[in-house]
């Protein structure tokens, strides 16, 4: 935690990090915290503090240990933008993604390559 320099507001923590709570370890943590709360061992404020620390730390570790890349290539035949959603028709579409996980001194690699002559793609703009 000491090397985490960026300060996060409550809203940014809630919006960005809480996805990790649905993992197996996140669900287990929540169930343990609920049991402690039912036995009156901890208060509600401490539950939220622990969960926020968990969310930030998991995100920090994943950024440190996991590297994910994606490349999209193709010739756009048609495109349109409706309500911040891009609809593309692409020729010679190629999608490549790679995932690298560093564990101790061992690197695990995973790659996915997809190629299509003609492809319909939908991209959603994040605001």
Foldseek 3Di string as FASTA:
>chain_A
DVPDDDDDDPVCLVVPQCVVLPDPVNVVLLVVVVVCVVVVNDDPVVSVVVSSVVSVVVVVVCVVFKDKDKDWDFAWPDWDADPQKIKTKTAFIKMKMKMWGDDPPDIDIDMDIDTDGIDIDIDHDDD
